[in-house]
Amino acid sequence: MAKLKVMIVDDDPDILELIKATLEEEYEVMTASLGNEAIEKLRKEVPDLLVLDYVLPDLHGPEICKILRKDPLLVHLPVLMLTGKGEIEDKVKGLESGADDYMVKPFSPQELSARVRMLIRR
């Protein structure tokens, strides 16, 4: 049986590798370090879930979520925003832009895995 697929978007190579290591035993993992790169890859191959950083060098996570929610191909893609931005205003902005869940760094790999499983189950 084929593994479900998760895309991780983060511009910090260490965080990207940590998330990848956390998820790759259970999922096939795609990665991107820029928002535009992620959107391009998502339109070619739609994963089962997107783990998205809030702050990226080109497009921020909320902007990416708004783009995804307007794209018929990607409108239903579950999005977990994983970010260092932990203020209530940031959480609200992330969720209102279309993210399905929001986690603040530093994070527990076990909690990340549990949230990914929960979002994919939906």
Protein backbone atom coordinates (compact mmCIF):
# COMPACT_ATOMS: atom_id res chain seq x y z
CA MET A 1 0.00 0.00 0.00
CA ALA A 2 1.35 3.44 -0.93
CA LYS A 3 2.23 5.85 1.83
CA LEU A 4 0.21 9.02 2.24
CA LYS A 5 2.08 12.14 1.17
CA VAL A 6 2.94 15.24 3.23
CA MET A 7 4.57 18.43 1.96
CA ILE A 8 6.71 20.48 4.37
CA VAL A 9 7.44 24.14 3.64
CA ASP A 10 10.05 25.83 5.83
CA ASP A 11 13.02 28.04 4.97
CA ASP A 12 15.12 26.84 7.93
CA PRO A 13 17.02 23.73 6.72
CA ASP A 14 17.40 22.36 10.28
CA ILE A 15 13.68 22.64 11.03
CA LEU A 16 12.83 21.21 7.61
CA GLU A 17 15.07 18.21 8.30
CA LEU A 18 13.63 17.71 11.81
CA ILE A 19 10.05 17.72 10.52
CA LYS A 20 11.01 15.44 7.64
CA ALA A 21 12.72 12.98 10.02
CA THR A 22 9.65 13.04 12.27
CA LEU A 23 7.22 12.24 9.46
CA GLU A 24 9.11 10.20 6.85
CA GLU A 25 8.73 6.87 8.64
CA GLU A 26 4.95 7.12 8.27
CA TYR A 27 4.58 9.33 5.16
CA GLU A 28 6.16 10.09 1.84
CA VAL A 29 7.60 13.60 2.29
CA MET A 30 7.91 16.43 -0.24
CA THR A 31 9.72 19.65 0.73
CA ALA A 32 10.02 23.27 -0.32
CA SER A 33 11.81 26.23 1.25
CA LEU A 34 9.93 29.04 -0.51
CA GLY A 35 6.23 29.79 -0.84
CA ASN A 36 6.21 30.13 -4.63
CA GLU A 37 8.17 26.88 -4.97
CA ALA A 38 5.61 25.15 -2.74
CA ILE A 39 2.63 26.40 -4.75
CA GLU A 40 4.27 25.27 -7.99
CA LYS A 41 4.96 21.79 -6.57
CA LEU A 42 1.46 21.54 -5.05
CA ARG A 43 -0.17 22.24 -8.40
CA LYS A 44 1.84 19.40 -9.98
CA GLU A 45 1.34 16.86 -7.20
CA VAL A 46 -1.26 17.30 -4.46
CA PRO A 47 -0.22 15.73 -1.13
CA ASP A 48 -2.57 14.58 1.65
CA LEU A 49 -1.42 17.37 4.00
CA LEU A 50 0.68 20.54 4.02
CA VAL A 51 2.91 21.54 6.98
CA LEU A 52 3.50 25.24 6.41
CA ASP A 53 5.78 27.80 8.09
CA TYR A 54 4.23 31.22 8.75
CA VAL A 55 7.28 33.32 7.84
CA LEU A 56 8.99 32.58 4.52
CA PRO A 57 11.31 34.83 2.47
CA ASP A 58 8.84 35.33 -0.40
CA LEU A 59 5.22 34.59 0.61
CA HIS A 60 4.06 34.22 4.20
CA GLY A 61 1.98 31.24 5.30
CA PRO A 62 -1.34 33.15 5.50
CA GLU A 63 -0.84 34.42 1.93
CA ILE A 64 -0.16 30.87 0.75
CA CYS A 65 -3.29 29.60 2.54
CA LYS A 66 -5.43 32.24 0.81
CA ILE A 67 -4.01 31.19 -2.58
CA LEU A 68 -4.70 27.51 -1.83
CA ARG A 69 -8.27 28.18 -0.70
CA LYS A 70 -9.03 29.89 -4.04
CA ASP A 71 -7.53 27.07 -6.14
CA PRO A 72 -10.10 24.35 -7.03
CA LEU A 73 -7.34 21.71 -7.04
CA LEU A 74 -6.04 22.66 -3.56
CA VAL A 75 -9.07 24.09 -1.77
CA HIS A 76 -9.55 20.98 0.41
CA LEU A 77 -5.85 20.37 1.21
CA PRO A 78 -5.44 20.19 5.02
CA VAL A 79 -2.91 22.76 6.25
CA LEU A 80 -1.01 22.65 9.56
CA MET A 81 0.75 25.95 10.16
CA LEU A 82 3.93 25.35 12.19
CA THR A 83 5.66 28.55 13.23
CA GLY A 84 7.63 30.54 15.75
CA LYS A 85 4.88 33.18 15.77
CA GLY A 86 2.95 32.41 18.94
CA GLU A 87 0.98 35.61 19.56
CA ILE A 88 -2.80 35.28 19.60
CA GLU A 89 -3.09 37.72 16.65
CA ASP A 90 -0.76 35.52 14.58
CA LYS A 91 -2.71 32.38 15.44
CA VAL A 92 -6.00 34.05 14.53
CA LYS A 93 -4.56 35.37 11.24
CA GLY A 94 -3.18 31.94 10.36
CA LEU A 95 -6.43 30.14 11.10
CA GLU A 96 -8.60 32.77 9.43
CA SER A 97 -6.45 32.58 6.28
CA GLY A 98 -7.42 28.93 5.88
CA ALA A 99 -5.07 26.86 8.04
CA ASP A 100 -6.77 23.87 9.68
CA ASP A 101 -4.45 23.78 12.70
CA TYR A 102 -1.68 25.92 14.18
CA MET A 103 1.37 24.80 16.17
CA VAL A 104 4.07 26.99 17.70
CA LYS A 105 7.82 26.22 17.57
CA PRO A 106 9.57 24.78 19.44
CA PHE A 107 7.35 21.75 19.05
CA SER A 108 7.18 18.17 20.24
CA PRO A 109 7.71 15.68 17.39
CA GLN A 110 5.14 13.39 19.02
CA GLU A 111 2.53 16.16 19.07
CA LEU A 112 3.33 17.05 15.46
CA SER A 113 2.82 13.42 14.41
CA ALA A 114 -0.47 13.22 16.31
CA ARG A 115 -1.79 16.44 14.74
CA VAL A 116 -0.76 15.30 11.24
CA ARG A 117 -2.58 11.97 11.75
CA MET A 118 -5.66 13.80 13.06
CA LEU A 119 -5.80 16.21 10.11
CA ILE A 120 -5.33 13.43 7.54
CA ARG A 121 -8.10 11.36 9.20
CA ARG A 122 -10.57 14.21 8.67
